[in-house]
């Protein structure tokens, strides 16, 4: 997952809105979003190589996601797959503060990552490279492959497009949100970050929506939670830039 943008308490009808793109190699085996047979509370797509996920939500309203931290000078020495981190939060009875403590303790067991976790009212982020965390109560935020709200062009554009749309629209259209996620504008070279991958790859990875031939945006996901705690979850699958299908789920969050 390379871009997650979300609004907490910024719309009158939907206290939580999340839009996200997962970028991955096209040949990595992946299952489309569903409620898992071996963890029925979890609604998420699944990486079939490591059995983890990049983004999920539970029937009780717990939310978790992961992005890689991009810095090729750092060795990929993690003992465990980063996709197991969201599963660890979604699948077990653990609150956010205790989960954060576990992440801090186990930070060296994974290659660089950003974790997003909590519920639709209060989210936390954690970056194991900086060993830094943040609690988020409200606002519009975006997370790519550095820390939360790092001013990369794609992060700034995603926040601006979502904020502008929410300010202008009382009724939310999923197609309009997917249109935002499909934005493939590339910034000028002087605006690009220098993450150590070289200018050609920086350009290819700089847009919100990516297609580089063998790697690109595999899925776009929308999660809406309304004032009555009703959830809309829509996942759109892409292959080499072309949409090849949607999955829709609607359910109400179950209180303890």
Protein backbone atom coordinates (compact mmCIF):
# COMPACT_ATOMS: atom_id res chain seq x y z
CA UNK A 1 0.00 0.00 0.00
CA UNK A 2 1.58 3.25 -1.07
CA UNK A 3 -0.99 5.93 -0.39
CA UNK A 4 -3.65 6.14 2.31
CA UNK A 5 -5.61 9.36 2.70
CA UNK A 6 -8.36 9.76 5.26
CA UNK A 7 -10.67 12.30 6.86
CA UNK A 8 -11.72 12.07 10.51
CA UNK A 9 -14.67 14.23 11.58
CA UNK A 10 -14.46 16.42 8.45
CA UNK A 11 -17.83 15.68 6.84
CA UNK A 12 -21.33 16.12 8.26
CA UNK A 13 -22.63 12.72 7.11
CA UNK A 14 -19.49 10.61 7.28
CA UNK A 15 -17.26 11.00 10.34
CA UNK A 16 -14.72 8.70 8.69
CA UNK A 17 -13.67 8.56 5.04
CA UNK A 18 -10.65 6.64 3.79
CA UNK A 19 -9.34 6.31 0.25
CA UNK A 20 -6.26 4.24 -0.53
CA UNK A 21 -4.14 2.85 -3.33
CA UNK A 22 -2.08 -0.31 -2.98
CA UNK A 23 0.92 -0.44 -5.30
CA UNK A 24 2.55 -3.81 -5.90
CA UNK A 25 4.07 -6.03 -8.57
CA UNK A 26 1.32 -7.44 -10.78
CA UNK A 27 2.57 -10.99 -10.46
CA UNK A 28 2.41 -11.08 -6.64
CA UNK A 29 -0.47 -13.44 -5.76
CA UNK A 30 -3.33 -11.60 -4.09
CA UNK A 31 -6.87 -12.40 -2.98
CA UNK A 32 -9.62 -9.82 -3.35
CA UNK A 33 -11.25 -8.35 -0.26
CA UNK A 34 -13.61 -10.59 1.66
CA UNK A 35 -14.35 -11.67 5.22
CA UNK A 36 -11.65 -14.23 5.92
CA UNK A 37 -12.58 -17.86 6.57
CA UNK A 38 -9.88 -18.20 9.23
CA UNK A 39 -10.60 -14.79 10.81
CA UNK A 40 -14.29 -14.03 10.16
CA UNK A 41 -14.15 -10.60 11.83
CA UNK A 42 -11.68 -9.28 9.25
CA UNK A 43 -12.71 -7.72 5.95
CA UNK A 44 -9.59 -7.25 3.84
CA UNK A 45 -7.71 -8.23 0.77
CA UNK A 46 -4.95 -10.77 1.31
CA UNK A 47 -1.39 -11.15 0.15
CA UNK A 48 -1.26 -14.86 -0.64
CA UNK A 49 2.53 -14.98 -0.43
CA UNK A 50 2.80 -13.96 3.23
CA UNK A 51 -0.90 -14.33 4.25
CA UNK A 52 -0.97 -10.75 5.53
CA UNK A 53 -2.88 -7.68 4.38
CA UNK A 54 -2.26 -4.04 3.51
CA UNK A 55 -5.62 -2.68 4.74
CA UNK A 56 -8.57 -4.06 6.65
CA UNK A 57 -11.52 -3.34 8.90
CA UNK A 58 -13.44 -5.52 11.34
CA UNK A 59 -17.12 -5.86 12.19
CA UNK A 60 -16.36 -3.98 15.42
CA UNK A 61 -14.87 -1.04 13.52
CA UNK A 62 -11.17 -1.68 14.11
CA UNK A 63 -9.04 -0.42 11.21
CA UNK A 64 -5.44 -1.20 10.33
CA UNK A 65 -3.14 -0.62 7.36
CA UNK A 66 0.54 -0.73 6.49
CA UNK A 67 2.88 1.01 4.05
CA UNK A 68 6.53 0.28 3.39
CA UNK A 69 9.13 2.87 4.31
CA UNK A 70 11.08 3.68 1.15
CA UNK A 71 14.84 3.89 1.56
CA UNK A 72 16.91 1.41 -0.48
CA UNK A 73 20.00 2.10 1.65
CA UNK A 74 18.28 0.31 4.53
CA UNK A 75 18.66 -3.48 4.38
CA UNK A 76 15.50 -5.58 4.05
CA UNK A 77 16.33 -7.58 7.15
CA UNK A 78 12.93 -8.00 8.73
CA UNK A 79 12.31 -11.38 10.31
CA UNK A 80 8.57 -11.20 9.61
CA UNK A 81 6.38 -9.91 6.79
CA UNK A 82 5.02 -6.41 7.39
CA UNK A 83 1.60 -7.55 6.22
CA UNK A 84 1.23 -9.47 9.46
CA UNK A 85 1.11 -6.23 11.46
CA UNK A 86 -2.44 -5.18 10.46
CA UNK A 87 -3.63 -8.75 11.02
CA UNK A 88 -2.14 -8.71 14.50
CA UNK A 89 -4.24 -5.70 15.40
CA UNK A 90 -7.45 -6.70 13.64
CA UNK A 91 -7.56 -10.32 14.72
CA UNK A 92 -6.90 -9.99 18.45
CA UNK A 93 -8.50 -8.28 21.43
CA UNK A 94 -5.87 -5.60 21.94
CA UNK A 95 -6.37 -1.87 22.29
CA UNK A 96 -4.40 0.71 20.36
CA UNK A 97 -2.11 1.82 23.18
CA UNK A 98 -1.04 -1.73 24.01
CA UNK A 99 -0.57 -2.52 20.33
CA UNK A 100 1.63 0.56 19.95
CA UNK A 101 3.74 -0.64 22.86
CA UNK A 102 4.15 -4.02 21.17
CA UNK A 103 5.20 -2.36 17.90
CA UNK A 104 7.83 -0.28 19.68
CA UNK A 105 9.18 -3.36 21.42
CA UNK A 106 9.30 -5.42 18.19
CA UNK A 107 10.40 -2.66 15.79
CA UNK A 108 13.56 -4.49 14.72
CA UNK A 109 11.65 -7.59 13.61
CA UNK A 110 10.35 -5.90 10.45
CA UNK A 111 11.81 -3.97 7.57
CA UNK A 112 10.86 -0.30 7.44
CA UNK A 113 7.13 0.43 7.68
CA UNK A 114 4.36 2.79 8.70
CA UNK A 115 1.43 1.30 10.59
CA UNK A 116 -2.00 2.90 10.80
CA UNK A 117 -4.38 1.43 13.38
CA UNK A 118 -7.28 2.22 15.69
CA UNK A 119 -10.92 2.82 14.90
CA UNK A 120 -12.92 5.26 12.81
CA UNK A 121 -12.98 7.81 15.64
CA UNK A 122 -9.35 7.69 16.70
CA UNK A 123 -6.34 6.42 14.78
CA UNK A 124 -2.66 6.04 15.56
CA UNK A 125 0.40 5.89 13.33
CA UNK A 126 3.76 4.32 14.04
CA UNK A 127 7.00 4.35 12.04
CA UNK A 128 9.59 1.78 13.09
CA UNK A 129 12.55 3.54 11.41
CA UNK A 130 12.02 6.77 13.36
CA UNK A 131 10.45 4.89 16.29
CA UNK A 132 7.83 7.64 16.28
CA UNK A 133 4.07 7.58 16.83
CA UNK A 134 1.16 9.97 16.62
CA UNK A 135 -2.44 9.93 17.80
CA UNK A 136 -4.99 11.36 15.35
CA UNK A 137 -8.38 12.57 16.51
CA UNK A 138 -9.58 14.68 13.58
CA UNK A 139 -8.43 16.22 10.32
CA UNK A 140 -7.38 15.14 6.83
CA UNK A 141 -4.18 13.12 6.70
CA UNK A 142 -2.19 11.14 4.16
CA UNK A 143 0.41 8.41 4.50
CA UNK A 144 2.71 7.19 1.76
CA UNK A 145 6.20 5.70 2.13
CA UNK A 146 7.63 8.13 4.64
CA UNK A 147 6.10 9.45 7.87
CA UNK A 148 2.51 10.69 8.12
CA UNK A 149 1.85 13.88 6.12
CA UNK A 150 5.40 14.08 4.77
CA UNK A 151 5.03 16.77 2.06
CA UNK A 152 5.66 14.59 -0.97
CA UNK A 153 3.72 15.85 -4.03
CA UNK A 154 1.38 12.82 -4.09
CA UNK A 155 0.60 13.25 -0.38
CA UNK A 156 -0.16 16.95 -0.74
CA UNK A 157 -2.27 16.37 -3.85
CA UNK A 158 -4.28 13.58 -2.22
CA UNK A 159 -5.04 15.72 0.82
CA UNK A 160 -5.96 18.74 -1.29
CA UNK A 161 -8.21 16.77 -3.66
CA UNK A 162 -10.04 15.02 -0.83
CA UNK A 163 -10.47 18.20 1.20
CA UNK A 164 -11.76 20.15 -1.80
CA UNK A 165 -14.22 17.41 -2.68
CA UNK A 166 -15.58 17.10 0.87
CA UNK A 167 -15.99 20.87 1.20
CA UNK A 168 -18.04 21.03 -2.00
CA UNK A 169 -20.19 17.92 -1.67
CA UNK A 170 -22.76 16.99 0.93
CA UNK A 171 -23.47 13.67 -0.76
CA UNK A 172 -20.46 11.45 -1.28
CA UNK A 173 -20.02 9.60 -4.57
CA UNK A 174 -17.75 6.56 -4.55
CA UNK A 175 -17.02 7.14 -8.24
CA UNK A 176 -15.78 10.63 -7.43
CA UNK A 177 -13.48 9.22 -4.77
CA UNK A 178 -12.17 6.60 -7.19
CA UNK A 179 -11.58 9.42 -9.67
CA UNK A 180 -9.38 11.14 -7.08
CA UNK A 181 -7.41 7.92 -6.53
CA UNK A 182 -6.93 7.52 -10.31
CA UNK A 183 -5.03 10.81 -10.54
CA UNK A 184 -1.81 10.08 -12.42
CA UNK A 185 -0.36 13.60 -12.60
CA UNK A 186 3.41 13.68 -12.16
CA UNK A 187 5.09 16.66 -10.50
CA UNK A 188 8.10 18.46 -11.90
CA UNK A 189 11.49 17.00 -11.07
CA UNK A 190 12.38 19.79 -8.64
CA UNK A 191 9.39 18.81 -6.49
CA UNK A 192 10.32 15.14 -6.21
CA UNK A 193 11.67 13.66 -3.00
CA UNK A 194 15.08 12.04 -3.02
CA UNK A 195 14.58 8.62 -1.46
CA UNK A 196 17.66 7.08 -3.06
CA UNK A 197 15.98 5.19 -5.90
CA UNK A 198 17.17 7.43 -8.75
CA UNK A 199 15.34 10.11 -10.70
CA UNK A 200 13.67 7.73 -13.20
CA UNK A 201 12.03 5.67 -10.49
CA UNK A 202 11.21 8.75 -8.41
CA UNK A 203 9.24 10.02 -11.40
CA UNK A 204 7.43 6.74 -11.92
CA UNK A 205 6.44 6.52 -8.25
CA UNK A 206 5.54 10.19 -7.84
CA UNK A 207 1.89 10.08 -8.91
CA UNK A 208 -1.06 8.96 -6.82
CA UNK A 209 -1.94 6.26 -9.35
CA UNK A 210 0.97 4.24 -10.76
CA UNK A 211 1.50 1.98 -13.76
CA UNK A 212 5.07 1.10 -14.73
CA UNK A 213 4.42 -2.07 -16.73
CA UNK A 214 5.17 -4.81 -14.23
CA UNK A 215 4.36 -2.74 -11.13
CA UNK A 216 1.55 -0.37 -10.31
CA UNK A 217 -1.64 0.35 -8.45
CA UNK A 218 -3.28 -3.04 -7.95
CA UNK A 219 -6.26 -1.96 -5.86
CA UNK A 220 -8.05 1.19 -4.81
CA UNK A 221 -10.14 1.01 -1.65
CA UNK A 222 -12.81 3.27 -0.20
CA UNK A 223 -14.10 2.98 3.37
CA UNK A 224 -16.98 5.19 4.50
CA UNK A 225 -18.45 5.16 8.00
CA UNK A 226 -21.61 7.21 8.50
CA UNK A 227 -23.05 8.78 11.66
CA UNK A 228 -25.00 5.61 12.43
CA UNK A 229 -21.86 3.47 12.23
CA UNK A 230 -22.81 1.92 8.89
CA UNK A 231 -19.78 0.90 6.83
CA UNK A 232 -19.39 0.99 3.06
CA UNK A 233 -16.30 -0.84 1.80
CA UNK A 234 -15.50 -0.85 -1.91
CA UNK A 235 -12.40 -2.34 -3.49
CA UNK A 236 -11.58 -1.77 -7.16
CA UNK A 237 -8.98 -4.02 -8.76
CA UNK A 238 -6.67 -2.86 -11.54
CA UNK A 239 -4.26 -4.56 -13.91
CA UNK A 240 -1.79 -2.39 -15.81
CA UNK A 241 -3.92 0.67 -15.24
CA UNK A 242 -7.26 -0.82 -16.28
CA UNK A 243 -10.10 -1.49 -13.84
CA UNK A 244 -11.12 -5.15 -13.87
CA UNK A 245 -13.75 -5.34 -11.14
CA UNK A 246 -15.29 -4.00 -7.93
CA UNK A 247 -16.22 -5.66 -4.64
CA UNK A 248 -18.80 -3.99 -2.39
CA UNK A 249 -19.60 -4.64 1.26
CA UNK A 250 -22.06 -2.91 3.55
CA UNK A 251 -22.46 -3.65 7.25
CA UNK A 252 -23.10 -2.00 10.60
CA UNK A 253 -20.38 -1.82 13.24
CA UNK A 254 -21.17 -4.14 16.16
CA UNK A 255 -20.60 -2.64 19.60
CA UNK A 256 -19.13 -4.70 22.42
